[in-house]
Amino acid sequence: MGSQTATQIPVIDLTGENSKPGSSYWVSAYKKIRQALEQHGFFVAEYDKLPLELHDNILSDVAELFELPYETKIQNTSDKPAHGYIGKIAAIPLHEGMGIDRATHLEECEKFTKLMWPSGNDRFCGNAHNYSKLMAELEQMVVRMVFESYGVSSYYNAHVETATYLLRFLSYQKPEIDEANLAFVTHTDKSFISILHQNHVLGLELRTADGNWVGFRPSPTSFVILAGDACMVCMEQ
């Protein structure tokens, strides 16, 4: 997949006045969000509510998580597809994934932490929970903007009340010299909205409306917002 220039990715500022409902900045932002999602299915949100310390800590914690023994990681199971541990798959040998379902609930983060570290890891648990809450706030703001842009804001509260949040951790190993450099396969998400936040490693590519693959350059304040299959269906109706 050949990358194109990152300037093709829609970037929308959701900091400061732009994140205040009802303001002229808010209206301008949700119009841009609607256009980006309809045209490309994604955009990059500039969002400054995640403290740099928490950003650095959660990345460090995730690196520590994937260093755990394989026998420990496979205990992260789920009846839901792609919610538990994924790894050692021939088609995607460089990819590992783990997840905490309902991660905005402290008790779910505690259960996951106890599973991975039987003796406890309060730092990981606290960081995962706080990070999940901040990502839920960003997701709710984006969803509210989408609903308002289509004139269906009366449905927003019902959506939020029934929403649950999966915190998914992903790791991609560096390929050996004779290995293909494909960490994951082309796919869409089944959710309404997905948020991707990554470390400094370049690797994520997004497909634009014209069919080009665009490389994404990450930063602590940059979040890739993806319209999931459910959102795309709603926008098409």
C-alpha atoms as a PDB file:
ATOM      1  CA  MET A   1       0.000   0.000   0.000  1.00  0.00           C
ATOM      2  CA  GLY A   2       1.811   3.095  -1.181  1.00  0.00           C
ATOM      3  CA  SER A   3       1.450   6.045   1.129  1.00  0.00           C
ATOM      4  CA  GLN A   4       0.492   9.496  -0.066  1.00  0.00           C
ATOM      5  CA  THR A   5       1.191  12.811   1.628  1.00  0.00           C
ATOM      6  CA  ALA A   6      -0.359  13.227   5.072  1.00  0.00           C
ATOM      7  CA  THR A   7      -1.815  16.608   4.044  1.00  0.00           C
ATOM      8  CA  GLN A   8      -4.692  14.722   2.406  1.00  0.00           C
ATOM      9  CA  ILE A   9      -6.045  13.639   5.789  1.00  0.00           C
ATOM     10  CA  PRO A  10      -8.810  15.962   7.080  1.00  0.00           C
ATOM     11  CA  VAL A  11      -7.679  17.540  10.363  1.00  0.00           C
ATOM     12  CA  ILE A  12     -10.318  19.166  12.585  1.00  0.00           C
ATOM     13  CA  ASP A  13      -9.511  21.266  15.636  1.00  0.00           C
ATOM     14  CA  LEU A  14     -11.602  20.208  18.640  1.00  0.00           C
ATOM     15  CA  THR A  15      -9.747  22.296  21.198  1.00  0.00           C
ATOM     16  CA  GLY A  16     -10.829  25.436  23.018  1.00  0.00           C
ATOM     17  CA  GLU A  17     -13.939  27.185  21.683  1.00  0.00           C
ATOM     18  CA  ASN A  18     -14.426  24.500  19.045  1.00  0.00           C
ATOM     19  CA  SER A  19     -15.449  22.042  21.773  1.00  0.00           C
ATOM     20  CA  LYS A  20     -18.116  24.296  23.315  1.00  0.00           C
ATOM     21  CA  PRO A  21     -21.648  23.249  22.244  1.00  0.00           C
ATOM     22  CA  GLY A  22     -23.741  25.982  20.677  1.00  0.00           C
ATOM     23  CA  SER A  23     -20.872  28.279  19.713  1.00  0.00           C
ATOM     24  CA  SER A  24     -20.234  29.328  16.124  1.00  0.00           C
ATOM     25  CA  TYR A  25     -16.973  27.359  16.291  1.00  0.00           C
ATOM     26  CA  TRP A  26     -18.913  24.250  17.326  1.00  0.00           C
ATOM     27  CA  VAL A  27     -21.282  24.561  14.367  1.00  0.00           C
ATOM     28  CA  SER A  28     -18.378  25.080  11.989  1.00  0.00           C
ATOM     29  CA  ALA A  29     -16.582  22.043  13.439  1.00  0.00           C
ATOM     30  CA  TYR A  30     -19.545  19.681  13.149  1.00  0.00           C
ATOM     31  CA  LYS A  31     -20.082  20.690   9.533  1.00  0.00           C
ATOM     32  CA  LYS A  32     -16.446  19.796   8.826  1.00  0.00           C
ATOM     33  CA  ILE A  33     -16.827  16.494  10.694  1.00  0.00           C
ATOM     34  CA  ARG A  34     -19.881  15.533   8.673  1.00  0.00           C
ATOM     35  CA  GLN A  35     -18.134  16.377   5.420  1.00  0.00           C
ATOM     36  CA  ALA A  36     -15.000  14.419   6.386  1.00  0.00           C
ATOM     37  CA  LEU A  37     -16.931  11.327   7.465  1.00  0.00           C
ATOM     38  CA  GLU A  38     -19.161  11.370   4.384  1.00  0.00           C
ATOM     39  CA  GLN A  39     -16.234  11.808   2.002  1.00  0.00           C
ATOM     40  CA  HIS A  40     -13.547   9.678   3.640  1.00  0.00           C
ATOM     41  CA  GLY A  41     -15.038   7.864   6.624  1.00  0.00           C
ATOM     42  CA  PHE A  42     -12.437   9.343   8.966  1.00  0.00           C
ATOM     43  CA  PHE A  43     -10.659  12.474  10.132  1.00  0.00           C
ATOM     44  CA  VAL A  44      -7.935  13.451  12.580  1.00  0.00           C
ATOM     45  CA  ALA A  45      -9.101  15.318  15.667  1.00  0.00           C
ATOM     46  CA  GLU A  46      -6.738  17.715  17.390  1.00  0.00           C
ATOM     47  CA  TYR A  47      -7.780  17.319  21.024  1.00  0.00           C
ATOM     48  CA  ASP A  48      -5.861  18.669  24.008  1.00  0.00           C
ATOM     49  CA  LYS A  49      -7.782  17.224  26.957  1.00  0.00           C
ATOM     50  CA  LEU A  50      -5.445  14.226  27.390  1.00  0.00           C
ATOM     51  CA  PRO A  51      -2.646  15.214  29.818  1.00  0.00           C
ATOM     52  CA  LEU A  52       0.816  14.533  28.409  1.00  0.00           C
ATOM     53  CA  GLU A  53       1.744  12.588  31.551  1.00  0.00           C
ATOM     54  CA  LEU A  54      -1.214  10.223  31.097  1.00  0.00           C
ATOM     55  CA  HIS A  55      -0.396   9.893  27.394  1.00  0.00           C
ATOM     56  CA  ASP A  56       3.174   8.858  28.188  1.00  0.00           C
ATOM     57  CA  ASN A  57       2.148   6.593  31.068  1.00  0.00           C
ATOM     58  CA  ILE A  58      -0.478   4.633  29.149  1.00  0.00           C
ATOM     59  CA  LEU A  59       1.948   3.987  26.273  1.00  0.00           C
ATOM     60  CA  SER A  60       4.539   2.755  28.763  1.00  0.00           C
ATOM     61  CA  ASP A  61       1.928   0.573  30.467  1.00  0.00           C
ATOM     62  CA  VAL A  62       0.823  -0.967  27.175  1.00  0.00           C
ATOM     63  CA  ALA A  63       4.419  -1.830  26.279  1.00  0.00           C
ATOM     64  CA  GLU A  64       4.737  -3.555  29.661  1.00  0.00           C
ATOM     65  CA  LEU A  65       1.433  -5.365  29.086  1.00  0.00           C
ATOM     66  CA  PHE A  66       2.586  -6.969  25.842  1.00  0.00           C
ATOM     67  CA  GLU A  67       5.833  -8.105  27.457  1.00  0.00           C
ATOM     68  CA  LEU A  68       3.847 -10.445  29.715  1.00  0.00           C
ATOM     69  CA  PRO A  69       4.110 -14.185  29.000  1.00  0.00           C
ATOM     70  CA  TYR A  70       1.886 -15.565  26.260  1.00  0.00           C
ATOM     71  CA  GLU A  71       0.238 -17.863  28.809  1.00  0.00           C
ATOM     72  CA  THR A  72      -0.847 -14.795  30.775  1.00  0.00           C
ATOM     73  CA  LYS A  73      -2.092 -12.784  27.816  1.00  0.00           C
ATOM     74  CA  ILE A  74      -4.343 -15.538  26.470  1.00  0.00           C
ATOM     75  CA  GLN A  75      -6.365 -15.342  29.687  1.00  0.00           C
ATOM     76  CA  ASN A  76      -7.898 -12.174  28.232  1.00  0.00           C
ATOM     77  CA  THR A  77     -10.904 -13.926  26.675  1.00  0.00           C
ATOM     78  CA  SER A  78     -14.299 -12.699  25.493  1.00  0.00           C
ATOM     79  CA  ASP A  79     -17.419 -14.062  23.829  1.00  0.00           C
ATOM     80  CA  LYS A  80     -17.421 -10.941  21.635  1.00  0.00           C
ATOM     81  CA  PRO A  81     -15.274 -10.950  18.477  1.00  0.00           C
ATOM     82  CA  ALA A  82     -11.965  -9.046  18.763  1.00  0.00           C
ATOM     83  CA  HIS A  83     -12.576  -8.124  22.408  1.00  0.00           C
ATOM     84  CA  GLY A  84     -10.092 -10.552  23.951  1.00  0.00           C
ATOM     85  CA  TYR A  85      -6.523 -11.552  23.159  1.00  0.00           C
ATOM     86  CA  ILE A  86      -5.561 -11.979  19.502  1.00  0.00           C
ATOM     87  CA  GLY A  87      -2.101 -13.162  18.521  1.00  0.00           C
ATOM     88  CA  LYS A  88      -0.001 -15.774  16.791  1.00  0.00           C
ATOM     89  CA  ILE A  89      -2.283 -15.789  13.733  1.00  0.00           C
ATOM     90  CA  ALA A  90      -0.614 -16.889  10.506  1.00  0.00           C
ATOM     91  CA  ALA A  91      -2.348 -14.257   8.346  1.00  0.00           C
ATOM     92  CA  ILE A  92      -1.240 -11.416  10.660  1.00  0.00           C
ATOM     93  CA  PRO A  93       1.865 -12.755  12.447  1.00  0.00           C
ATOM     94  CA  LEU A  94       3.099  -9.345  13.605  1.00  0.00           C
ATOM     95  CA  HIS A  95      -0.129  -8.341  15.327  1.00  0.00           C
ATOM     96  CA  GLU A  96      -1.241  -8.757  18.941  1.00  0.00           C
ATOM     97  CA  GLY A  97      -4.362  -7.314  20.513  1.00  0.00           C
ATOM     98  CA  MET A  98      -6.003  -7.265  23.935  1.00  0.00           C
ATOM     99  CA  GLY A  99      -9.074  -5.528  25.288  1.00  0.00           C
ATOM    100  CA  ILE A 100     -11.008  -4.286  28.296  1.00  0.00           C
ATOM    101  CA  ASP A 101     -14.751  -4.244  27.636  1.00  0.00           C
ATOM    102  CA  ARG A 102     -16.770  -1.552  29.459  1.00  0.00           C
ATOM    103  CA  ALA A 103     -13.462   0.095  30.345  1.00  0.00           C
ATOM    104  CA  THR A 104     -15.107   3.266  31.655  1.00  0.00           C
ATOM    105  CA  HIS A 105     -16.236   1.149  34.627  1.00  0.00           C
ATOM    106  CA  LEU A 106     -13.441   0.918  37.197  1.00  0.00           C
ATOM    107  CA  GLU A 107     -14.363  -2.630  38.207  1.00  0.00           C
ATOM    108  CA  GLU A 108     -13.750  -3.872  34.646  1.00  0.00           C
ATOM    109  CA  CYS A 109     -10.269  -2.337  34.621  1.00  0.00           C
ATOM    110  CA  GLU A 110      -9.639  -3.916  38.013  1.00  0.00           C
ATOM    111  CA  LYS A 111     -10.697  -7.370  36.753  1.00  0.00           C
ATOM    112  CA  PHE A 112      -8.432  -7.116  33.717  1.00  0.00           C
ATOM    113  CA  THR A 113      -5.508  -5.900  35.814  1.00  0.00           C
ATOM    114  CA  LYS A 114      -5.943  -8.730  38.315  1.00  0.00           C
ATOM    115  CA  LEU A 115      -5.958 -11.214  35.445  1.00  0.00           C
ATOM    116  CA  MET A 116      -2.708  -9.893  34.004  1.00  0.00           C
ATOM    117  CA  TRP A 117      -0.978  -9.082  37.298  1.00  0.00           C
ATOM    118  CA  PRO A 118      -2.354 -11.305  40.094  1.00  0.00           C
ATOM    119  CA  SER A 119      -0.283  -9.382  42.637  1.00  0.00           C
ATOM    120  CA  GLY A 120      -1.797  -6.118  41.404  1.00  0.00           C
ATOM    121  CA  ASN A 121      -0.773  -3.141  39.269  1.00  0.00           C
ATOM    122  CA  ASP A 122      -2.552  -0.028  40.523  1.00  0.00           C
ATOM    123  CA  ARG A 123      -0.730   2.260  38.107  1.00  0.00           C
ATOM    124  CA  PHE A 124      -1.928   0.350  35.035  1.00  0.00           C
ATOM    125  CA  CYS A 125      -5.475   0.071  36.361  1.00  0.00           C
ATOM    126  CA  GLY A 126      -5.747   3.780  37.145  1.00  0.00           C
ATOM    127  CA  ASN A 127      -4.203   4.892  33.876  1.00  0.00           C
ATOM    128  CA  ALA A 128      -6.388   2.567  31.792  1.00  0.00           C
ATOM    129  CA  HIS A 129      -9.549   3.740  33.542  1.00  0.00           C
ATOM    130  CA  ASN A 130      -8.709   7.454  33.320  1.00  0.00           C
ATOM    131  CA  TYR A 131      -7.680   7.118  29.682  1.00  0.00           C
ATOM    132  CA  SER A 132     -10.918   5.296  28.860  1.00  0.00           C
ATOM    133  CA  LYS A 133     -13.025   8.036  30.431  1.00  0.00           C
ATOM    134  CA  LEU A 134     -11.251  10.736  28.430  1.00  0.00           C
ATOM    135  CA  MET A 135     -11.664   8.795  25.189  1.00  0.00           C
ATOM    136  CA  ALA A 136     -15.354   8.295  25.989  1.00  0.00           C
ATOM    137  CA  GLU A 137     -15.711  12.068  26.401  1.00  0.00           C
ATOM    138  CA  LEU A 138     -14.107  12.631  22.990  1.00  0.00           C
ATOM    139  CA  GLU A 139     -16.318   9.973  21.400  1.00  0.00           C
ATOM    140  CA  GLN A 140     -19.441  11.500  22.922  1.00  0.00           C
ATOM    141  CA  MET A 141     -18.510  14.956  21.658  1.00  0.00           C
ATOM    142  CA  VAL A 142     -17.953  13.667  18.122  1.00  0.00           C
ATOM    143  CA  VAL A 143     -21.189  11.655  18.161  1.00  0.00           C
ATOM    144  CA  ARG A 144     -23.109  14.688  19.426  1.00  0.00           C
ATOM    145  CA  MET A 145     -21.679  16.758  16.581  1.00  0.00           C
ATOM    146  CA  VAL A 146     -22.623  14.097  14.043  1.00  0.00           C
ATOM    147  CA  PHE A 147     -26.167  13.877  15.399  1.00  0.00           C
ATOM    148  CA  GLU A 148     -26.575  17.673  15.405  1.00  0.00           C
ATOM    149  CA  SER A 149     -25.249  17.951  11.852  1.00  0.00           C
ATOM    150  CA  TYR A 150     -28.037  15.620  10.679  1.00  0.00           C
ATOM    151  CA  GLY A 151     -30.706  17.304  12.798  1.00  0.00           C
ATOM    152  CA  VAL A 152     -31.285  14.235  14.993  1.00  0.00           C
ATOM    153  CA  SER A 153     -29.858  15.527  18.276  1.00  0.00           C
ATOM    154  CA  SER A 154     -32.990  14.280  20.098  1.00  0.00           C
ATOM    155  CA  TYR A 155     -31.571  10.748  19.744  1.00  0.00           C
ATOM    156  CA  TYR A 156     -28.202  11.621  21.272  1.00  0.00           C
ATOM    157  CA  ASN A 157     -29.021  10.973  24.941  1.00  0.00           C
ATOM    158  CA  ALA A 158     -30.471   7.546  24.167  1.00  0.00           C
ATOM    159  CA  HIS A 159     -27.322   6.659  22.237  1.00  0.00           C
ATOM    160  CA  VAL A 160     -25.015   7.709  25.076  1.00  0.00           C
ATOM    161  CA  GLU A 161     -27.076   5.918  27.716  1.00  0.00           C
ATOM    162  CA  THR A 162     -26.763   2.594  25.894  1.00  0.00           C
ATOM    163  CA  ALA A 163     -23.161   2.960  24.706  1.00  0.00           C
ATOM    164  CA  THR A 164     -20.361   0.860  26.163  1.00  0.00           C
ATOM    165  CA  TYR A 165     -16.670   1.374  25.524  1.00  0.00           C
ATOM    166  CA  LEU A 166     -13.996  -1.128  24.577  1.00  0.00           C
ATOM    167  CA  LEU A 167     -10.411  -0.116  25.306  1.00  0.00           C
ATOM    168  CA  ARG A 168      -8.351  -2.084  22.797  1.00  0.00           C
ATOM    169  CA  PHE A 169      -4.568  -2.387  23.067  1.00  0.00           C
ATOM    170  CA  LEU A 170      -2.661  -3.180  19.865  1.00  0.00           C
ATOM    171  CA  SER A 171       0.957  -4.136  19.321  1.00  0.00           C
ATOM    172  CA  TYR A 172       2.825  -4.636  16.065  1.00  0.00           C
ATOM    173  CA  GLN A 173       6.172  -6.383  16.115  1.00  0.00           C
ATOM    174  CA  LYS A 174       9.020  -5.278  13.893  1.00  0.00           C
ATOM    175  CA  PRO A 175       9.271  -7.718  10.975  1.00  0.00           C
ATOM    176  CA  GLU A 176      12.358  -9.791  10.378  1.00  0.00           C
ATOM    177  CA  ILE A 177      14.294  -9.211   7.166  1.00  0.00           C
ATOM    178  CA  ASP A 178      12.516 -12.056   5.371  1.00  0.00           C
ATOM    179  CA  GLU A 179       9.027 -11.259   6.742  1.00  0.00           C
ATOM    180  CA  ALA A 180       6.295  -9.295   4.982  1.00  0.00           C
ATOM    181  CA  ASN A 181       5.747  -5.844   6.488  1.00  0.00           C
ATOM    182  CA  LEU A 182       1.992  -6.300   7.001  1.00  0.00           C
ATOM    183  CA  ALA A 183       0.892  -6.001  10.619  1.00  0.00           C
ATOM    184  CA  PHE A 184      -2.851  -6.047  10.005  1.00  0.00           C
ATOM    185  CA  VAL A 185      -5.283  -6.556   7.158  1.00  0.00           C
ATOM    186  CA  THR A 186      -7.495  -3.948   5.505  1.00  0.00           C
ATOM    187  CA  HIS A 187     -10.737  -3.743   7.462  1.00  0.00           C
ATOM    188  CA  THR A 188     -13.599  -1.611   8.777  1.00  0.00           C
ATOM    189  CA  ASP A 189     -14.893  -1.468  12.357  1.00  0.00           C
ATOM    190  CA  LYS A 190     -18.325  -2.699  13.438  1.00  0.00           C
ATOM    191  CA  SER A 191     -18.760   0.060  16.025  1.00  0.00           C
ATOM    192  CA  PHE A 192     -20.444   3.454  15.561  1.00  0.00           C
ATOM    193  CA  ILE A 193     -17.248   5.448  16.100  1.00  0.00           C
ATOM    194  CA  SER A 194     -13.704   4.198  16.725  1.00  0.00           C
ATOM    195  CA  ILE A 195     -10.815   6.288  18.027  1.00  0.00           C
ATOM    196  CA  LEU A 196      -7.214   5.357  17.252  1.00  0.00           C
ATOM    197  CA  HIS A 197      -4.361   6.810  19.273  1.00  0.00           C
ATOM    198  CA  GLN A 198      -0.838   5.552  18.762  1.00  0.00           C
ATOM    199  CA  ASN A 199       2.767   6.050  19.758  1.00  0.00           C
ATOM    200  CA  HIS A 200       5.407   7.752  17.628  1.00  0.00           C
ATOM    201  CA  VAL A 201       5.902   4.777  15.298  1.00  0.00           C
ATOM    202  CA  LEU A 202       4.767   5.438  11.737  1.00  0.00           C
ATOM    203  CA  GLY A 203       2.710   2.630  10.262  1.00  0.00           C
ATOM    204  CA  LEU A 204      -0.995   3.436  10.162  1.00  0.00           C
ATOM    205  CA  GLU A 205      -2.401   4.058   6.696  1.00  0.00           C
ATOM    206  CA  LEU A 206      -5.898   5.307   5.867  1.00  0.00           C
ATOM    207  CA  ARG A 207      -7.706   4.971   2.567  1.00  0.00           C
ATOM    208  CA  THR A 208      -9.143   8.214   1.201  1.00  0.00           C
ATOM    209  CA  ALA A 209     -12.228   8.621  -0.964  1.00  0.00           C
ATOM    210  CA  ASP A 210     -10.093   8.595  -4.129  1.00  0.00           C
ATOM    211  CA  GLY A 211      -8.631   5.215  -3.209  1.00  0.00           C
ATOM    212  CA  ASN A 212      -5.191   6.424  -2.152  1.00  0.00           C
ATOM    213  CA  TRP A 213      -3.505   5.170   1.017  1.00  0.00           C
ATOM    214  CA  VAL A 214      -2.414   8.029   3.254  1.00  0.00           C
ATOM    215  CA  GLY A 215       0.210   7.741   5.963  1.00  0.00           C
ATOM    216  CA  PHE A 216      -0.674   9.174   9.373  1.00  0.00           C
ATOM    217  CA  ARG A 217       1.931  11.010  11.469  1.00  0.00           C
ATOM    218  CA  PRO A 218       0.926  10.633  15.145  1.00  0.00           C
ATOM    219  CA  SER A 219       1.294  13.125  17.986  1.00  0.00           C
ATOM    220  CA  PRO A 220       0.095  13.213  21.630  1.00  0.00           C
ATOM    221  CA  THR A 221      -2.845  15.449  20.652  1.00  0.00           C
ATOM    222  CA  SER A 222      -3.832  13.726  17.391  1.00  0.00           C
ATOM    223  CA  PHE A 223      -6.625  11.138  17.362  1.00  0.00           C
ATOM    224  CA  VAL A 224      -7.888   9.305  14.291  1.00  0.00           C
ATOM    225  CA  ILE A 225     -11.692   9.222  14.343  1.00  0.00           C
ATOM    226  CA  LEU A 226     -13.132   6.423  12.212  1.00  0.00           C
ATOM    227  CA  ALA A 227     -16.768   6.049  11.229  1.00  0.00           C
ATOM    228  CA  GLY A 228     -17.677   2.449  11.995  1.00  0.00           C
ATOM    229  CA  ASP A 229     -20.044   0.359   9.915  1.00  0.00           C
ATOM    230  CA  ALA A 230     -23.031   1.426  12.043  1.00  0.00           C
ATOM    231  CA  CYS A 231     -22.245   5.112  11.521  1.00  0.00           C
ATOM    232  CA  MET A 232     -21.766   4.676   7.771  1.00  0.00           C
ATOM    233  CA  VAL A 233     -25.158   2.972   7.492  1.00  0.00           C
ATOM    234  CA  CYS A 234     -26.825   5.867   9.332  1.00  0.00           C
ATOM    235  CA  MET A 235     -25.159   8.454   7.102  1.00  0.00           C
ATOM    236  CA  GLU A 236     -26.302   6.650   3.968  1.00  0.00           C
ATOM    237  CA  GLN A 237     -29.961   6.637   5.012  1.00  0.00           C
END
